[in-house]
């Protein structure tokens, strides 16, 4: 995946003149655009995958990471605007889901072009209070142990002391964003919402995902797939098949033969 020459926020395999739809993908706290590597190859060619690369990681390692949601959303508005010439949807995993949700709300309030669908993964509905222990203020050694327990960062990265000294500000900023997030009630979105959870995810269960339905004026679906909180790795193929089908239905407003995903698959059976 390559950054846009003029826009380091957007990472994609290659600009595709044949693309008719864009899927903007938002990583989880501490994650980067690379978690979406390979997604393009499993998507229909008319859907262009655009992964968001936030400051403070990978090629943007030396940049100051954001720790304020409002400022991040405003920066994202500017980042995606040049790519909004095609219809698009948002996909966000865990905290990335909250970021994509707040960005969609901002665009709707401004009466700007917004996503045609919101795909939410591994994230309890925003109105549900976060009761997890806060970690953004912990000493480095304890923060590292906690990151290891979360299992979202490769062990080789955690064991690289020099690299972790560069990455710790990014982790702290991301978790500050997540742990200080305050949901403010507002108008429901005018686009459908599709929520996804992992069958073995104790953090985002069906009970905490289902309340996302109040945030849309349109349809809502909930799919439970095999895996834990990072089910998007284990169940990537079926996840992308469902997303591609939903985008196709969004465009055609009818089911097409050969593009059916069974309800059993969506429920992780």
C-alpha atoms as a PDB file:
ATOM      1  CA  UNK A   1       0.000   0.000   0.000  1.00  0.00           C
ATOM      2  CA  UNK A   2       1.254   3.465  -0.871  1.00  0.00           C
ATOM      3  CA  UNK A   3       0.511   6.955   0.472  1.00  0.00           C
ATOM      4  CA  UNK A   4      -0.936   9.554  -1.836  1.00  0.00           C
ATOM      5  CA  UNK A   5       1.888  11.792  -3.021  1.00  0.00           C
ATOM      6  CA  UNK A   6       0.060  14.892  -1.801  1.00  0.00           C
ATOM      7  CA  UNK A   7      -1.895  13.326   1.079  1.00  0.00           C
ATOM      8  CA  UNK A   8      -0.099  11.169   3.691  1.00  0.00           C
ATOM      9  CA  UNK A   9      -3.431  10.379   5.386  1.00  0.00           C
ATOM     10  CA  UNK A  10      -4.650   8.109   2.585  1.00  0.00           C
ATOM     11  CA  UNK A  11      -2.914   4.782   1.893  1.00  0.00           C
ATOM     12  CA  UNK A  12      -4.041   2.638  -1.041  1.00  0.00           C
ATOM     13  CA  UNK A  13      -2.593  -0.070  -3.243  1.00  0.00           C
ATOM     14  CA  UNK A  14      -2.680   2.095  -6.346  1.00  0.00           C
ATOM     15  CA  UNK A  15      -4.932   4.852  -7.685  1.00  0.00           C
ATOM     16  CA  UNK A  16      -7.602   3.079  -9.743  1.00  0.00           C
ATOM     17  CA  UNK A  17      -9.305   5.040 -12.492  1.00  0.00           C
ATOM     18  CA  UNK A  18     -11.924   2.274 -12.739  1.00  0.00           C
ATOM     19  CA  UNK A  19     -13.006   2.589  -9.109  1.00  0.00           C
ATOM     20  CA  UNK A  20     -16.665   3.500  -8.601  1.00  0.00           C
ATOM     21  CA  UNK A  21     -16.752   3.398  -4.791  1.00  0.00           C
ATOM     22  CA  UNK A  22     -14.285   4.011  -1.960  1.00  0.00           C
ATOM     23  CA  UNK A  23     -14.027   2.311   1.416  1.00  0.00           C
ATOM     24  CA  UNK A  24     -12.184   4.430   3.996  1.00  0.00           C
ATOM     25  CA  UNK A  25     -10.747   2.204   6.752  1.00  0.00           C
ATOM     26  CA  UNK A  26      -9.939   3.462  10.267  1.00  0.00           C
ATOM     27  CA  UNK A  27      -7.547   1.410  12.466  1.00  0.00           C
ATOM     28  CA  UNK A  28      -7.914   0.591  16.153  1.00  0.00           C
ATOM     29  CA  UNK A  29      -6.014   2.473  18.881  1.00  0.00           C
ATOM     30  CA  UNK A  30      -2.300   1.902  18.389  1.00  0.00           C
ATOM     31  CA  UNK A  31      -2.925   0.505  14.910  1.00  0.00           C
ATOM     32  CA  UNK A  32      -1.884   1.783  11.513  1.00  0.00           C
ATOM     33  CA  UNK A  33      -2.921   1.579   7.883  1.00  0.00           C
ATOM     34  CA  UNK A  34      -0.924  -1.633   7.461  1.00  0.00           C
ATOM     35  CA  UNK A  35      -3.602  -3.696   9.230  1.00  0.00           C
ATOM     36  CA  UNK A  36      -5.642  -3.263   6.059  1.00  0.00           C
ATOM     37  CA  UNK A  37      -2.874  -4.532   3.784  1.00  0.00           C
ATOM     38  CA  UNK A  38      -4.260  -7.152   1.422  1.00  0.00           C
ATOM     39  CA  UNK A  39      -7.847  -5.961   1.648  1.00  0.00           C
ATOM     40  CA  UNK A  40      -7.809  -4.553  -1.875  1.00  0.00           C
ATOM     41  CA  UNK A  41      -6.972  -7.948  -3.371  1.00  0.00           C
ATOM     42  CA  UNK A  42     -10.079  -9.466  -1.767  1.00  0.00           C
ATOM     43  CA  UNK A  43     -12.425  -6.689  -2.821  1.00  0.00           C
ATOM     44  CA  UNK A  44     -14.238  -6.322  -6.153  1.00  0.00           C
ATOM     45  CA  UNK A  45     -12.140  -4.139  -8.470  1.00  0.00           C
ATOM     46  CA  UNK A  46     -14.686  -1.306  -8.491  1.00  0.00           C
ATOM     47  CA  UNK A  47     -14.266  -0.791  -4.721  1.00  0.00           C
ATOM     48  CA  UNK A  48     -11.093   1.102  -3.822  1.00  0.00           C
ATOM     49  CA  UNK A  49      -9.761   0.529  -0.295  1.00  0.00           C
ATOM     50  CA  UNK A  50      -8.359   3.701   1.279  1.00  0.00           C
ATOM     51  CA  UNK A  51      -6.697   3.079   4.650  1.00  0.00           C
ATOM     52  CA  UNK A  52      -6.322   6.037   6.995  1.00  0.00           C
ATOM     53  CA  UNK A  53      -2.811   6.641   8.305  1.00  0.00           C
ATOM     54  CA  UNK A  54      -2.843   8.814  11.420  1.00  0.00           C
ATOM     55  CA  UNK A  55       0.237  10.817  12.503  1.00  0.00           C
ATOM     56  CA  UNK A  56       2.708   9.142  14.848  1.00  0.00           C
ATOM     57  CA  UNK A  57       3.110   5.765  13.124  1.00  0.00           C
ATOM     58  CA  UNK A  58       4.884   4.086  10.202  1.00  0.00           C
ATOM     59  CA  UNK A  59       5.902   6.702   7.600  1.00  0.00           C
ATOM     60  CA  UNK A  60       4.379   9.421   9.826  1.00  0.00           C
ATOM     61  CA  UNK A  61       6.290   8.269  12.900  1.00  0.00           C
ATOM     62  CA  UNK A  62       7.956  11.640  13.510  1.00  0.00           C
ATOM     63  CA  UNK A  63       4.687  13.577  13.384  1.00  0.00           C
ATOM     64  CA  UNK A  64       2.792  14.574  16.516  1.00  0.00           C
ATOM     65  CA  UNK A  65      -0.139  12.212  17.160  1.00  0.00           C
ATOM     66  CA  UNK A  66      -3.573  13.612  17.934  1.00  0.00           C
ATOM     67  CA  UNK A  67      -4.967  13.383  21.466  1.00  0.00           C
ATOM     68  CA  UNK A  68      -8.064  15.546  20.872  1.00  0.00           C
ATOM     69  CA  UNK A  69     -11.059  14.075  19.026  1.00  0.00           C
ATOM     70  CA  UNK A  70     -12.406  17.355  17.671  1.00  0.00           C
ATOM     71  CA  UNK A  71      -9.041  18.316  16.156  1.00  0.00           C
ATOM     72  CA  UNK A  72      -8.590  14.837  14.657  1.00  0.00           C
ATOM     73  CA  UNK A  73     -12.040  14.926  13.046  1.00  0.00           C
ATOM     74  CA  UNK A  74     -11.378  18.364  11.559  1.00  0.00           C
ATOM     75  CA  UNK A  75      -8.088  17.111  10.102  1.00  0.00           C
ATOM     76  CA  UNK A  76      -9.815  14.039   8.666  1.00  0.00           C
ATOM     77  CA  UNK A  77     -12.434  16.195   6.967  1.00  0.00           C
ATOM     78  CA  UNK A  78      -9.642  17.926   5.063  1.00  0.00           C
ATOM     79  CA  UNK A  79      -7.865  14.621   4.370  1.00  0.00           C
ATOM     80  CA  UNK A  80     -10.762  12.813   2.731  1.00  0.00           C
ATOM     81  CA  UNK A  81     -12.268  15.792   0.881  1.00  0.00           C
ATOM     82  CA  UNK A  82     -10.141  15.291  -2.280  1.00  0.00           C
ATOM     83  CA  UNK A  83     -11.317  11.657  -2.377  1.00  0.00           C
ATOM     84  CA  UNK A  84     -15.029  12.365  -1.940  1.00  0.00           C
ATOM     85  CA  UNK A  85     -15.643  12.654  -5.682  1.00  0.00           C
ATOM     86  CA  UNK A  86     -16.848   9.023  -5.564  1.00  0.00           C
ATOM     87  CA  UNK A  87     -19.503   7.506  -3.287  1.00  0.00           C
ATOM     88  CA  UNK A  88     -17.856   6.119  -0.159  1.00  0.00           C
ATOM     89  CA  UNK A  89     -18.357   4.234   3.083  1.00  0.00           C
ATOM     90  CA  UNK A  90     -16.474   4.140   6.392  1.00  0.00           C
ATOM     91  CA  UNK A  91     -15.121   1.023   8.114  1.00  0.00           C
ATOM     92  CA  UNK A  92     -13.709   1.358  11.610  1.00  0.00           C
ATOM     93  CA  UNK A  93     -12.437  -1.219  14.064  1.00  0.00           C
ATOM     94  CA  UNK A  94     -12.653  -0.650  17.833  1.00  0.00           C
ATOM     95  CA  UNK A  95     -11.650   2.967  18.507  1.00  0.00           C
ATOM     96  CA  UNK A  96     -11.408   3.490  14.753  1.00  0.00           C
ATOM     97  CA  UNK A  97     -15.157   2.871  14.694  1.00  0.00           C
ATOM     98  CA  UNK A  98     -15.748   5.757  17.100  1.00  0.00           C
ATOM     99  CA  UNK A  99     -13.556   8.036  15.002  1.00  0.00           C
ATOM    100  CA  UNK A 100     -15.436   7.122  11.813  1.00  0.00           C
ATOM    101  CA  UNK A 101     -18.757   7.640  13.619  1.00  0.00           C
ATOM    102  CA  UNK A 102     -17.795  11.100  14.852  1.00  0.00           C
ATOM    103  CA  UNK A 103     -16.489  12.010  11.398  1.00  0.00           C
ATOM    104  CA  UNK A 104     -19.771  10.898   9.809  1.00  0.00           C
ATOM    105  CA  UNK A 105     -21.732  12.938  12.366  1.00  0.00           C
ATOM    106  CA  UNK A 106     -19.590  16.013  11.692  1.00  0.00           C
ATOM    107  CA  UNK A 107     -20.118  15.741   7.932  1.00  0.00           C
ATOM    108  CA  UNK A 108     -23.854  15.378   8.421  1.00  0.00           C
ATOM    109  CA  UNK A 109     -24.037  18.410  10.712  1.00  0.00           C
ATOM    110  CA  UNK A 110     -22.154  20.435   8.113  1.00  0.00           C
ATOM    111  CA  UNK A 111     -24.446  19.121   5.367  1.00  0.00           C
ATOM    112  CA  UNK A 112     -21.347  17.922   3.554  1.00  0.00           C
ATOM    113  CA  UNK A 113     -20.984  14.774   1.476  1.00  0.00           C
ATOM    114  CA  UNK A 114     -20.894  11.865   3.910  1.00  0.00           C
ATOM    115  CA  UNK A 115     -20.586   8.083   3.890  1.00  0.00           C
ATOM    116  CA  UNK A 116     -23.298   6.020   2.245  1.00  0.00           C
ATOM    117  CA  UNK A 117     -22.793   3.332   4.879  1.00  0.00           C
ATOM    118  CA  UNK A 118     -21.020   2.986   8.214  1.00  0.00           C
ATOM    119  CA  UNK A 119     -19.333  -0.344   9.011  1.00  0.00           C
ATOM    120  CA  UNK A 120     -18.631  -0.717  12.728  1.00  0.00           C
ATOM    121  CA  UNK A 121     -16.426  -3.534  14.079  1.00  0.00           C
ATOM    122  CA  UNK A 122     -15.525  -4.574  17.620  1.00  0.00           C
ATOM    123  CA  UNK A 123     -16.816  -1.396  19.245  1.00  0.00           C
ATOM    124  CA  UNK A 124     -19.598  -1.031  21.825  1.00  0.00           C
ATOM    125  CA  UNK A 125     -22.191   1.611  21.015  1.00  0.00           C
ATOM    126  CA  UNK A 126     -20.878   5.091  21.942  1.00  0.00           C
ATOM    127  CA  UNK A 127     -23.580   5.785  24.526  1.00  0.00           C
ATOM    128  CA  UNK A 128     -22.414   2.809  26.628  1.00  0.00           C
ATOM    129  CA  UNK A 129     -19.975   4.066  29.310  1.00  0.00           C
ATOM    130  CA  UNK A 130     -16.395   2.829  29.055  1.00  0.00           C
ATOM    131  CA  UNK A 131     -15.699   1.029  32.335  1.00  0.00           C
ATOM    132  CA  UNK A 132     -12.279  -0.330  31.364  1.00  0.00           C
ATOM    133  CA  UNK A 133      -9.225   0.640  33.386  1.00  0.00           C
ATOM    134  CA  UNK A 134      -7.548   3.689  31.871  1.00  0.00           C
ATOM    135  CA  UNK A 135      -3.996   3.050  30.730  1.00  0.00           C
ATOM    136  CA  UNK A 136      -2.894   6.215  28.922  1.00  0.00           C
ATOM    137  CA  UNK A 137      -1.340   7.659  32.098  1.00  0.00           C
ATOM    138  CA  UNK A 138       0.474   4.492  33.223  1.00  0.00           C
ATOM    139  CA  UNK A 139       4.296   4.266  33.532  1.00  0.00           C
ATOM    140  CA  UNK A 140       6.053   2.921  30.451  1.00  0.00           C
ATOM    141  CA  UNK A 141       6.705  -0.569  31.847  1.00  0.00           C
ATOM    142  CA  UNK A 142       3.089  -1.094  32.921  1.00  0.00           C
ATOM    143  CA  UNK A 143       1.780   0.355  29.673  1.00  0.00           C
ATOM    144  CA  UNK A 144       3.938  -2.108  27.721  1.00  0.00           C
ATOM    145  CA  UNK A 145       2.607  -5.053  29.724  1.00  0.00           C
ATOM    146  CA  UNK A 146      -0.943  -3.876  29.151  1.00  0.00           C
ATOM    147  CA  UNK A 147      -0.344  -3.554  25.406  1.00  0.00           C
ATOM    148  CA  UNK A 148       0.966  -7.115  25.407  1.00  0.00           C
ATOM    149  CA  UNK A 149      -2.202  -8.336  27.105  1.00  0.00           C
ATOM    150  CA  UNK A 150      -4.368  -6.565  24.538  1.00  0.00           C
ATOM    151  CA  UNK A 151      -2.667  -8.625  21.787  1.00  0.00           C
ATOM    152  CA  UNK A 152      -3.048  -5.939  19.142  1.00  0.00           C
ATOM    153  CA  UNK A 153       0.685  -5.212  18.776  1.00  0.00           C
ATOM    154  CA  UNK A 154       3.195  -7.774  17.431  1.00  0.00           C
ATOM    155  CA  UNK A 155       5.485  -9.171  20.126  1.00  0.00           C
ATOM    156  CA  UNK A 156       8.540  -8.337  18.017  1.00  0.00           C
ATOM    157  CA  UNK A 157       7.545  -4.670  18.165  1.00  0.00           C
ATOM    158  CA  UNK A 158       6.939  -4.764  21.925  1.00  0.00           C
ATOM    159  CA  UNK A 159      10.375  -6.301  22.505  1.00  0.00           C
ATOM    160  CA  UNK A 160      12.179  -3.672  20.437  1.00  0.00           C
ATOM    161  CA  UNK A 161      13.030  -1.140  23.163  1.00  0.00           C
ATOM    162  CA  UNK A 162      14.317   1.524  20.757  1.00  0.00           C
ATOM    163  CA  UNK A 163      11.248   1.298  18.529  1.00  0.00           C
ATOM    164  CA  UNK A 164       8.861   1.327  21.490  1.00  0.00           C
ATOM    165  CA  UNK A 165      10.409   4.564  22.760  1.00  0.00           C
ATOM    166  CA  UNK A 166       9.378   6.098  19.436  1.00  0.00           C
ATOM    167  CA  UNK A 167       5.917   4.504  19.496  1.00  0.00           C
ATOM    168  CA  UNK A 168       4.919   5.114  23.109  1.00  0.00           C
ATOM    169  CA  UNK A 169       3.791   8.735  22.476  1.00  0.00           C
ATOM    170  CA  UNK A 170       1.469   7.428  19.751  1.00  0.00           C
ATOM    171  CA  UNK A 171       0.041   4.727  22.037  1.00  0.00           C
ATOM    172  CA  UNK A 172      -0.525   7.256  24.809  1.00  0.00           C
ATOM    173  CA  UNK A 173      -2.200   9.713  22.444  1.00  0.00           C
ATOM    174  CA  UNK A 174      -4.486   7.045  20.977  1.00  0.00           C
ATOM    175  CA  UNK A 175      -5.539   5.728  24.356  1.00  0.00           C
ATOM    176  CA  UNK A 176      -6.012   9.273  25.630  1.00  0.00           C
ATOM    177  CA  UNK A 177      -8.432   9.830  22.747  1.00  0.00           C
ATOM    178  CA  UNK A 178     -10.235   6.594  23.494  1.00  0.00           C
ATOM    179  CA  UNK A 179     -10.367   6.868  27.273  1.00  0.00           C
ATOM    180  CA  UNK A 180     -11.414  10.515  27.401  1.00  0.00           C
ATOM    181  CA  UNK A 181     -14.040  10.203  24.665  1.00  0.00           C
ATOM    182  CA  UNK A 182     -17.381  11.662  25.732  1.00  0.00           C
ATOM    183  CA  UNK A 183     -20.469  10.747  23.749  1.00  0.00           C
ATOM    184  CA  UNK A 184     -22.839  13.650  23.077  1.00  0.00           C
ATOM    185  CA  UNK A 185     -26.362  12.726  21.891  1.00  0.00           C
ATOM    186  CA  UNK A 186     -27.249  13.939  18.420  1.00  0.00           C
ATOM    187  CA  UNK A 187     -29.354  13.276  15.343  1.00  0.00           C
ATOM    188  CA  UNK A 188     -29.095   9.737  13.951  1.00  0.00           C
ATOM    189  CA  UNK A 189     -27.134   9.276  10.744  1.00  0.00           C
ATOM    190  CA  UNK A 190     -28.907   9.225   7.389  1.00  0.00           C
ATOM    191  CA  UNK A 191     -26.890   6.183   6.244  1.00  0.00           C
ATOM    192  CA  UNK A 192     -27.273   2.489   7.168  1.00  0.00           C
ATOM    193  CA  UNK A 193     -25.053   0.975   9.859  1.00  0.00           C
ATOM    194  CA  UNK A 194     -23.630  -2.545   9.734  1.00  0.00           C
ATOM    195  CA  UNK A 195     -22.031  -3.717  12.988  1.00  0.00           C
ATOM    196  CA  UNK A 196     -19.658  -6.665  13.397  1.00  0.00           C
ATOM    197  CA  UNK A 197     -18.449  -8.523  16.455  1.00  0.00           C
ATOM    198  CA  UNK A 198     -16.191 -11.448  17.294  1.00  0.00           C
ATOM    199  CA  UNK A 199     -17.827 -14.558  18.697  1.00  0.00           C
ATOM    200  CA  UNK A 200     -15.229 -14.733  21.481  1.00  0.00           C
ATOM    201  CA  UNK A 201     -14.850 -10.992  22.032  1.00  0.00           C
ATOM    202  CA  UNK A 202     -15.563 -10.166  25.668  1.00  0.00           C
ATOM    203  CA  UNK A 203     -15.152  -6.439  25.027  1.00  0.00           C
ATOM    204  CA  UNK A 204     -17.701  -5.862  22.267  1.00  0.00           C
ATOM    205  CA  UNK A 205     -20.530  -8.375  22.700  1.00  0.00           C
ATOM    206  CA  UNK A 206     -23.817  -8.566  20.827  1.00  0.00           C
ATOM    207  CA  UNK A 207     -25.458  -6.812  23.774  1.00  0.00           C
ATOM    208  CA  UNK A 208     -23.140  -3.801  23.450  1.00  0.00           C
ATOM    209  CA  UNK A 209     -23.105  -3.766  19.641  1.00  0.00           C
ATOM    210  CA  UNK A 210     -26.854  -3.925  19.085  1.00  0.00           C
ATOM    211  CA  UNK A 211     -27.484  -0.431  20.582  1.00  0.00           C
ATOM    212  CA  UNK A 212     -25.703   1.048  17.545  1.00  0.00           C
ATOM    213  CA  UNK A 213     -29.092   0.750  15.850  1.00  0.00           C
ATOM    214  CA  UNK A 214     -30.328   3.995  17.422  1.00  0.00           C
ATOM    215  CA  UNK A 215     -27.688   5.949  15.494  1.00  0.00           C
ATOM    216  CA  UNK A 216     -29.221   5.452  12.059  1.00  0.00           C
ATOM    217  CA  UNK A 217     -32.431   6.506  10.369  1.00  0.00           C
ATOM    218  CA  UNK A 218     -31.926   3.667   7.882  1.00  0.00           C
ATOM    219  CA  UNK A 219     -31.316  -0.062   8.201  1.00  0.00           C
ATOM    220  CA  UNK A 220     -29.156  -1.737  10.844  1.00  0.00           C
ATOM    221  CA  UNK A 221     -27.564  -5.192  10.766  1.00  0.00           C
ATOM    222  CA  UNK A 222     -25.412  -7.043  13.275  1.00  0.00           C
ATOM    223  CA  UNK A 223     -23.089  -9.866  12.238  1.00  0.00           C
ATOM    224  CA  UNK A 224     -21.085 -12.077  14.630  1.00  0.00           C
ATOM    225  CA  UNK A 225     -18.019 -13.732  13.110  1.00  0.00           C
ATOM    226  CA  UNK A 226     -15.497 -16.298  14.412  1.00  0.00           C
ATOM    227  CA  UNK A 227     -12.679 -14.801  16.477  1.00  0.00           C
ATOM    228  CA  UNK A 228     -11.919 -12.560  19.434  1.00  0.00           C
ATOM    229  CA  UNK A 229     -11.601  -8.779  19.509  1.00  0.00           C
ATOM    230  CA  UNK A 230      -9.295  -8.925  16.482  1.00  0.00           C
ATOM    231  CA  UNK A 231     -11.643 -11.132  14.466  1.00  0.00           C
ATOM    232  CA  UNK A 232     -10.974  -8.935  11.436  1.00  0.00           C
ATOM    233  CA  UNK A 233      -7.717 -10.931  11.101  1.00  0.00           C
ATOM    234  CA  UNK A 234      -9.129 -14.439  11.541  1.00  0.00           C
ATOM    235  CA  UNK A 235     -12.381 -13.814   9.661  1.00  0.00           C
ATOM    236  CA  UNK A 236     -11.106 -11.314   7.116  1.00  0.00           C
ATOM    237  CA  UNK A 237     -12.450 -13.122   4.060  1.00  0.00           C
ATOM    238  CA  UNK A 238     -16.043 -13.435   5.250  1.00  0.00           C
ATOM    239  CA  UNK A 239     -15.917  -9.889   6.681  1.00  0.00           C
ATOM    240  CA  UNK A 240     -14.849  -8.455   3.333  1.00  0.00           C
ATOM    241  CA  UNK A 241     -17.418 -10.551   1.486  1.00  0.00           C
ATOM    242  CA  UNK A 242     -20.178  -9.099   3.657  1.00  0.00           C
ATOM    243  CA  UNK A 243     -18.889  -5.550   3.242  1.00  0.00           C
ATOM    244  CA  UNK A 244     -18.636  -5.984  -0.542  1.00  0.00           C
ATOM    245  CA  UNK A 245     -22.159  -7.416  -0.670  1.00  0.00           C
ATOM    246  CA  UNK A 246     -23.567  -4.562   1.406  1.00  0.00           C
ATOM    247  CA  UNK A 247     -21.898  -2.010  -0.872  1.00  0.00           C
ATOM    248  CA  UNK A 248     -23.275  -3.812  -3.921  1.00  0.00           C
ATOM    249  CA  UNK A 249     -26.774  -3.832  -2.442  1.00  0.00           C
ATOM    250  CA  UNK A 250     -26.331  -0.186  -1.576  1.00  0.00           C
ATOM    251  CA  UNK A 251     -25.608   0.546  -5.209  1.00  0.00           C
ATOM    252  CA  UNK A 252     -28.200  -1.712  -6.800  1.00  0.00           C
ATOM    253  CA  UNK A 253     -30.848  -1.836  -4.038  1.00  0.00           C
ATOM    254  CA  UNK A 254     -31.450  -5.491  -4.866  1.00  0.00           C
ATOM    255  CA  UNK A 255     -29.710  -8.806  -4.277  1.00  0.00           C
ATOM    256  CA  UNK A 256     -27.684 -10.225  -7.118  1.00  0.00           C
ATOM    257  CA  UNK A 257     -27.176 -13.978  -7.765  1.00  0.00           C
ATOM    258  CA  UNK A 258     -23.792 -15.189  -6.626  1.00  0.00           C
ATOM    259  CA  UNK A 259     -23.384 -12.394  -4.093  1.00  0.00           C
ATOM    260  CA  UNK A 260     -25.389 -13.899  -1.261  1.00  0.00           C
ATOM    261  CA  UNK A 261     -23.739 -14.361   2.122  1.00  0.00           C
ATOM    262  CA  UNK A 262     -25.703 -16.752   4.276  1.00  0.00           C
ATOM    263  CA  UNK A 263     -27.160 -15.656   7.600  1.00  0.00           C
ATOM    264  CA  UNK A 264     -25.329 -18.626   9.160  1.00  0.00           C
ATOM    265  CA  UNK A 265     -21.989 -17.188   8.030  1.00  0.00           C
ATOM    266  CA  UNK A 266     -22.907 -13.771   9.395  1.00  0.00           C
ATOM    267  CA  UNK A 267     -23.619 -15.354  12.774  1.00  0.00           C
ATOM    268  CA  UNK A 268     -20.302 -17.226  12.891  1.00  0.00           C
ATOM    269  CA  UNK A 269     -21.754 -20.744  12.401  1.00  0.00           C
END
